[in-house]
């Protein structure tokens, strides 16, 4: 499982990456939506953990761009500011889940595993469809 964390808070991002690496998660991190889009174009991720509030391209805008380039990537939104409107918009755009900061690392790990399983199931379905089409 390849995970990308996107958060403009450097200390939070670095701590999260260290804690995930201790749990043997293949993880990388960037500090902006723009950096995330650029990195994902070169190195696809299975799951993206995306902060909602960031300067420049915010989490919702970044989610829109991610969906355009890789509709199968699962995105978990992180927010320190509960907003029903933002949560609704994110879910409509296909966010896997929303988590509130500060986050519980075990809960995050559980959500990452669930999101990765969902992506894997979709990939298997697509492969089966391709096989059926190839046989016709």
Protein backbone atom coordinates (compact mmCIF):
# COMPACT_ATOMS: atom_id res chain seq x y z
CA UNK A 1 0.00 0.00 0.00
CA UNK A 2 1.42 3.37 -1.08
CA UNK A 3 0.09 6.31 0.92
CA UNK A 4 0.52 10.03 0.25
CA UNK A 5 -0.07 12.55 3.04
CA UNK A 6 -0.87 16.13 2.03
CA UNK A 7 -0.79 18.74 4.79
CA UNK A 8 0.63 22.26 5.00
CA UNK A 9 1.49 21.87 8.71
CA UNK A 10 5.12 20.69 8.54
CA UNK A 11 5.37 19.36 12.11
CA UNK A 12 2.11 17.44 11.82
CA UNK A 13 3.12 16.01 8.43
CA UNK A 14 6.56 14.90 9.60
CA UNK A 15 5.19 13.30 12.76
CA UNK A 16 2.51 11.46 10.81
CA UNK A 17 5.05 10.12 8.31
CA UNK A 18 7.38 8.92 11.10
CA UNK A 19 4.55 7.17 12.94
CA UNK A 20 3.32 5.45 9.77
CA UNK A 21 6.84 4.31 8.82
CA UNK A 22 7.17 2.73 12.29
CA UNK A 23 4.08 0.70 11.36
CA UNK A 24 5.72 -0.36 8.07
CA UNK A 25 3.48 1.75 5.85
CA UNK A 26 5.05 2.92 2.57
CA UNK A 27 4.37 6.63 2.91
CA UNK A 28 5.41 9.96 1.45
CA UNK A 29 4.28 13.49 2.14
CA UNK A 30 3.92 16.88 0.51
CA UNK A 31 2.85 20.28 1.82
CA UNK A 32 0.39 21.45 -0.84
CA UNK A 33 -2.29 20.32 -3.23
CA UNK A 34 -0.17 21.40 -6.19
CA UNK A 35 2.77 19.28 -4.98
CA UNK A 36 0.40 16.35 -4.47
CA UNK A 37 -0.90 16.53 -8.05
CA UNK A 38 2.64 16.76 -9.42
CA UNK A 39 3.88 13.82 -7.32
CA UNK A 40 0.87 11.65 -8.14
CA UNK A 41 1.48 12.15 -11.87
CA UNK A 42 4.93 10.55 -11.42
CA UNK A 43 4.31 8.18 -8.49
CA UNK A 44 0.74 6.94 -8.14
CA UNK A 45 -0.56 6.27 -4.63
CA UNK A 46 -3.23 3.82 -3.49
CA UNK A 47 -4.54 6.13 -0.77
CA UNK A 48 -4.17 9.88 -0.25
CA UNK A 49 -4.73 11.49 3.15
CA UNK A 50 -5.61 15.08 2.36
CA UNK A 51 -5.94 18.10 4.63
CA UNK A 52 -9.04 20.15 3.87
CA UNK A 53 -7.64 23.60 4.70
CA UNK A 54 -4.45 24.52 2.90
CA UNK A 55 -3.29 27.77 1.29
CA UNK A 56 -3.51 27.91 -2.49
CA UNK A 57 -5.21 24.75 -3.71
CA UNK A 58 -7.38 23.56 -0.81
CA UNK A 59 -8.33 19.96 -0.11
CA UNK A 60 -11.57 20.00 -2.11
CA UNK A 61 -9.83 21.46 -5.19
CA UNK A 62 -7.04 18.90 -4.81
CA UNK A 63 -9.59 16.08 -4.53
CA UNK A 64 -11.21 17.26 -7.79
CA UNK A 65 -7.84 17.17 -9.57
CA UNK A 66 -6.95 13.76 -8.15
CA UNK A 67 -10.28 12.36 -9.41
CA UNK A 68 -9.50 13.63 -12.93
CA UNK A 69 -6.14 11.87 -13.10
CA UNK A 70 -6.77 8.71 -11.04
CA UNK A 71 -10.41 7.96 -10.23
CA UNK A 72 -9.47 4.76 -8.37
CA UNK A 73 -7.25 6.38 -5.74
CA UNK A 74 -9.00 6.50 -2.38
CA UNK A 75 -8.89 9.82 -0.53
CA UNK A 76 -9.30 10.30 3.20
CA UNK A 77 -9.94 13.92 4.13
CA UNK A 78 -8.48 15.40 7.32
CA UNK A 79 -9.86 18.48 8.99
CA UNK A 80 -9.29 20.41 12.15
CA UNK A 81 -12.48 22.38 11.55
CA UNK A 82 -15.71 20.41 11.36
CA UNK A 83 -17.83 21.62 8.47
CA UNK A 84 -20.86 19.76 7.27
CA UNK A 85 -20.76 21.57 3.92
CA UNK A 86 -17.14 20.60 3.24
CA UNK A 87 -17.75 17.01 4.35
CA UNK A 88 -20.79 16.76 2.08
CA UNK A 89 -18.93 18.19 -0.91
CA UNK A 90 -15.97 15.88 -0.30
CA UNK A 91 -18.20 12.82 -0.10
CA UNK A 92 -20.01 13.86 -3.29
CA UNK A 93 -16.59 14.03 -4.99
CA UNK A 94 -15.83 10.51 -3.82
CA UNK A 95 -13.82 10.95 -0.62
CA UNK A 96 -13.54 7.62 1.19
CA UNK A 97 -13.92 9.17 4.65
CA UNK A 98 -13.39 12.24 6.82
CA UNK A 99 -11.30 12.25 9.99
CA UNK A 100 -10.96 15.02 12.55
CA UNK A 101 -7.62 16.33 13.82
CA UNK A 102 -6.06 15.40 16.12
CA UNK A 103 -6.27 11.89 14.73
CA UNK A 104 -5.85 8.58 16.45
CA UNK A 105 -3.04 6.74 14.62
CA UNK A 106 -4.68 3.33 15.04
CA UNK A 107 -7.96 4.65 13.64
CA UNK A 108 -6.09 6.20 10.71
CA UNK A 109 -4.28 2.93 10.03
CA UNK A 110 -7.61 1.07 10.08
CA UNK A 111 -9.11 3.59 7.61
CA UNK A 112 -6.03 3.30 5.36
CA UNK A 113 -6.39 -0.48 5.25
CA UNK A 114 -10.12 -0.22 4.47
CA UNK A 115 -9.50 2.31 1.70
CA UNK A 116 -6.76 0.14 0.21
CA UNK A 117 -9.07 -2.91 0.24
CA UNK A 118 -11.77 -0.91 -1.56
CA UNK A 119 -9.29 0.17 -4.24
CA UNK A 120 -8.06 -3.41 -4.67
CA UNK A 121 -11.62 -4.67 -5.13
CA UNK A 122 -12.26 -2.06 -7.83
CA UNK A 123 -9.01 -2.95 -9.62
CA UNK A 124 -9.96 -6.66 -9.62
CA UNK A 125 -13.40 -5.87 -11.05
CA UNK A 126 -11.82 -3.83 -13.83
CA UNK A 127 -9.40 -6.67 -14.65
CA UNK A 128 -12.30 -9.15 -14.88
CA UNK A 129 -14.17 -6.82 -17.22
CA UNK A 130 -11.07 -6.47 -19.39
CA UNK A 131 -10.74 -10.27 -19.54
CA UNK A 132 -14.37 -10.68 -20.58
CA UNK A 133 -14.00 -8.04 -23.29
CA UNK A 134 -10.77 -9.66 -24.55
CA UNK A 135 -12.53 -13.03 -24.84
CA UNK A 136 -15.33 -11.62 -27.01
